[in-house]
Protein backbone atom coordinates (compact mmCIF):
# COMPACT_ATOMS: atom_id res chain seq x y z
CA UNK A 1 -13.55 -13.74 -13.16
CA UNK A 2 -12.17 -17.15 -12.40
CA UNK A 3 -9.84 -17.83 -9.47
CA UNK A 4 -7.78 -21.00 -9.62
CA UNK A 5 -4.62 -22.51 -8.18
CA UNK A 6 -1.44 -21.46 -9.95
CA UNK A 7 0.27 -24.03 -12.14
CA UNK A 8 4.02 -24.31 -12.78
CA UNK A 9 3.48 -22.77 -16.23
CA UNK A 10 1.86 -19.69 -14.61
CA UNK A 11 4.82 -18.79 -12.42
CA UNK A 12 6.80 -16.71 -14.98
CA UNK A 13 3.57 -14.85 -15.78
CA UNK A 14 3.20 -14.02 -12.09
CA UNK A 15 6.61 -12.40 -12.23
CA UNK A 16 5.43 -10.32 -15.20
CA UNK A 17 2.33 -9.26 -13.25
CA UNK A 18 4.54 -8.24 -10.33
CA UNK A 19 6.78 -6.13 -12.54
CA UNK A 20 3.79 -4.37 -14.11
CA UNK A 21 2.10 -3.87 -10.72
CA UNK A 22 5.28 -2.23 -9.43
CA UNK A 23 5.35 0.48 -12.08
CA UNK A 24 2.77 2.78 -10.41
CA UNK A 25 5.14 3.13 -7.43
CA UNK A 26 7.32 5.34 -9.65
CA UNK A 27 4.63 8.04 -9.54
CA UNK A 28 5.10 8.17 -5.75
CA UNK A 29 8.89 8.47 -5.97
CA UNK A 30 9.32 4.86 -4.86
CA UNK A 31 11.53 3.77 -7.76
CA UNK A 32 13.29 1.17 -5.63
CA UNK A 33 9.96 -0.62 -5.19
CA UNK A 34 9.17 -0.33 -8.90
CA UNK A 35 12.62 -1.73 -9.74
CA UNK A 36 12.54 -4.51 -7.14
CA UNK A 37 12.78 -8.00 -8.58
CA UNK A 38 9.61 -10.09 -8.42
CA UNK A 39 9.53 -13.18 -6.22
CA UNK A 40 11.90 -15.86 -7.51
CA UNK A 41 10.40 -18.82 -9.34
CA UNK A 42 11.61 -21.09 -6.54
CA UNK A 43 9.69 -19.07 -3.96
CA UNK A 44 6.56 -18.97 -6.10
CA UNK A 45 6.86 -22.74 -6.57
CA UNK A 46 7.08 -23.24 -2.80
CA UNK A 47 3.79 -21.37 -2.33
CA UNK A 48 2.25 -23.24 -5.27
CA UNK A 49 3.25 -26.66 -3.93
CA UNK A 50 1.81 -25.76 -0.53
CA UNK A 51 -1.50 -24.91 -2.21
CA UNK A 52 -1.21 -21.22 -1.33
CA UNK A 53 -0.78 -19.57 -4.74
CA UNK A 54 -3.89 -18.49 -6.64
CA UNK A 55 -4.44 -16.53 -9.80
CA UNK A 56 -7.28 -14.51 -11.24
CA UNK A 57 -7.80 -15.04 -14.95
CA UNK A 58 -8.83 -12.47 -17.54
CA UNK A 59 -12.52 -12.37 -18.40
CA UNK A 60 -13.58 -14.59 -21.26
CA UNK A 61 -16.02 -12.16 -22.93
CA UNK A 62 -16.57 -8.43 -22.95
CA UNK A 63 -13.27 -7.63 -21.25
CA UNK A 64 -12.25 -4.66 -23.33
CA UNK A 65 -8.86 -4.07 -21.71
CA UNK A 66 -7.70 -7.65 -22.02
CA UNK A 67 -9.44 -8.66 -25.23
CA UNK A 68 -10.80 -12.08 -26.09
CA UNK A 69 -7.32 -13.31 -27.09
CA UNK A 70 -6.20 -13.08 -23.47
CA UNK A 71 -9.16 -14.92 -21.93
CA UNK A 72 -7.89 -17.25 -19.23
CA UNK A 73 -4.55 -15.46 -18.92
CA UNK A 74 -3.49 -14.60 -15.35
CA UNK A 75 -4.05 -10.91 -14.52
CA UNK A 76 -3.48 -11.07 -10.76
CA UNK A 77 -2.15 -13.40 -8.09
CA UNK A 78 -2.02 -13.93 -4.36
CA UNK A 79 0.49 -15.96 -2.36
CA UNK A 80 0.56 -16.53 1.37
CA UNK A 81 0.80 -19.07 4.15
CA UNK A 82 -0.52 -19.88 7.61
CA UNK A 83 1.23 -17.83 10.28
CA UNK A 84 0.36 -17.71 13.98
CA UNK A 85 -3.28 -18.86 13.60
CA UNK A 86 -3.95 -16.55 10.65
CA UNK A 87 -3.32 -16.69 6.92
CA UNK A 88 -0.56 -14.23 6.06
CA UNK A 89 -0.89 -12.66 2.62
CA UNK A 90 2.68 -12.43 1.43
CA UNK A 91 1.81 -10.73 -1.83
CA UNK A 92 -1.26 -9.78 -3.81
CA UNK A 93 -0.59 -8.12 -7.15
CA UNK A 94 -2.94 -7.02 -9.90
CA UNK A 95 -1.77 -6.09 -13.39
CA UNK A 96 -2.59 -2.39 -13.99
CA UNK A 97 -4.71 -3.37 -17.03
CA UNK A 98 -7.04 -5.26 -14.64
CA UNK A 99 -6.99 -2.71 -11.80
CA UNK A 100 -10.10 -1.15 -10.26
CA UNK A 101 -12.33 -4.11 -11.10
CA UNK A 102 -12.38 -5.87 -7.73
CA UNK A 103 -9.80 -8.46 -8.74
CA UNK A 104 -7.63 -8.00 -5.64
CA UNK A 105 -10.69 -7.99 -3.38
CA UNK A 106 -11.89 -11.24 -5.00
CA UNK A 107 -8.50 -12.90 -4.52
CA UNK A 108 -8.43 -11.84 -0.86
CA UNK A 109 -11.95 -13.20 -0.34
CA UNK A 110 -10.87 -16.48 -1.96
CA UNK A 111 -7.84 -16.70 0.34
CA UNK A 112 -10.08 -15.95 3.33
CA UNK A 113 -12.37 -18.83 2.38
CA UNK A 114 -9.40 -21.21 2.10
CA UNK A 115 -8.05 -19.96 5.46
CA UNK A 116 -11.44 -20.45 7.10
CA UNK A 117 -11.50 -24.02 5.73
CA UNK A 118 -8.15 -24.56 7.50
CA UNK A 119 -9.52 -23.27 10.81
CA UNK A 120 -7.48 -20.05 10.75
CA UNK A 121 -8.85 -17.03 12.59
CA UNK A 122 -8.08 -14.19 10.21
CA UNK A 123 -5.85 -12.67 7.56
CA UNK A 124 -2.67 -10.67 8.07
CA UNK A 125 -0.45 -8.68 5.77
CA UNK A 126 2.20 -5.99 5.85
CA UNK A 127 1.95 -2.96 3.61
CA UNK A 128 2.90 0.65 3.00
CA UNK A 129 0.83 3.13 5.03
CA UNK A 130 1.01 6.06 2.61
CA UNK A 131 0.37 4.28 -0.71
CA UNK A 132 -3.29 4.75 -1.69
CA UNK A 133 -3.66 1.22 -3.06
CA UNK A 134 -2.01 -0.29 0.03
CA UNK A 135 -3.03 0.41 3.67
CA UNK A 136 -5.92 2.79 2.84
CA UNK A 137 -7.34 0.20 0.42
CA UNK A 138 -6.98 -2.65 2.91
CA UNK A 139 -8.75 -0.59 5.58
CA UNK A 140 -11.65 -0.07 3.18
CA UNK A 141 -12.00 -3.85 2.81
CA UNK A 142 -11.97 -4.59 6.53
CA UNK A 143 -8.34 -4.79 7.64
CA UNK A 144 -7.16 -2.81 10.64
CA UNK A 145 -3.66 -1.78 11.67
CA UNK A 146 -2.15 -3.85 14.47
CA UNK A 147 -0.57 -2.15 17.45
CA UNK A 148 2.89 -3.20 18.56
CA UNK A 149 1.62 -5.38 21.46
CA UNK A 150 -0.68 -7.21 19.01
CA UNK A 151 2.17 -8.30 16.74
CA UNK A 152 2.83 -12.03 16.81
CA UNK A 153 6.31 -13.50 16.72
CA UNK A 154 5.77 -14.47 13.08
CA UNK A 155 4.80 -10.93 12.10
CA UNK A 156 7.83 -9.56 13.94
CA UNK A 157 10.07 -11.89 11.90
CA UNK A 158 8.43 -10.68 8.70
CA UNK A 159 8.98 -7.07 9.74
CA UNK A 160 12.64 -7.80 10.41
CA UNK A 161 13.06 -9.44 7.00
CA UNK A 162 11.35 -6.50 5.30
CA UNK A 163 13.63 -4.08 7.16
CA UNK A 164 16.67 -6.06 6.04
CA UNK A 165 15.37 -5.72 2.47
CA UNK A 166 15.06 -1.92 2.94
CA UNK A 167 11.28 -1.72 2.85
CA UNK A 168 11.17 0.23 6.11
CA UNK A 169 12.53 3.25 4.25
CA UNK A 170 8.82 4.08 3.82
CA UNK A 171 6.23 3.81 6.62
CA UNK A 172 4.79 0.30 6.88
CA UNK A 173 2.15 -1.40 8.98
CA UNK A 174 0.99 -4.90 9.86
CA UNK A 175 -2.74 -5.33 9.34
CA UNK A 176 -5.34 -7.90 10.39
CA UNK A 177 -8.83 -8.87 9.27
CA UNK A 178 -10.90 -11.27 11.32
CA UNK A 179 -12.87 -13.99 9.57
CA UNK A 180 -16.46 -12.95 9.01
């Protein structure tokens, strides 16, 4: 799989990936999440211009789910930004057709390498605690939940924004992974 910076032409495709990645939330009764609009093109462009938007492309050969005609097409993306000495993963989304192949893990590792290059100490994210492909997945790849006293001012602001958006209707957690 190839990871590369997002281009302006990729941004509408990232929105499509986000919509598709939201569909599995319906099976958990989280229709509001499934129906939530993807990040606006302007927001995606802000991350892209900052150099903090990366995509994973479909395999070029032997990728049965994607087919050779889709080689090089974005199948997942990650956006984030430095926050309080860490790199905060704002969103990582994998198209369901590319799920369970390590694509998200590879994107996170790529972001960690870029964060390390910038002298940041770790990765942070916020996520749902009871969604199998959210907090339990992140714990399996080395993230740990942060306790309230460990929350930075930046993470508290993110929590407040997520609450204002109604995401706190379901249990959520801030998580951290130190650089290794």
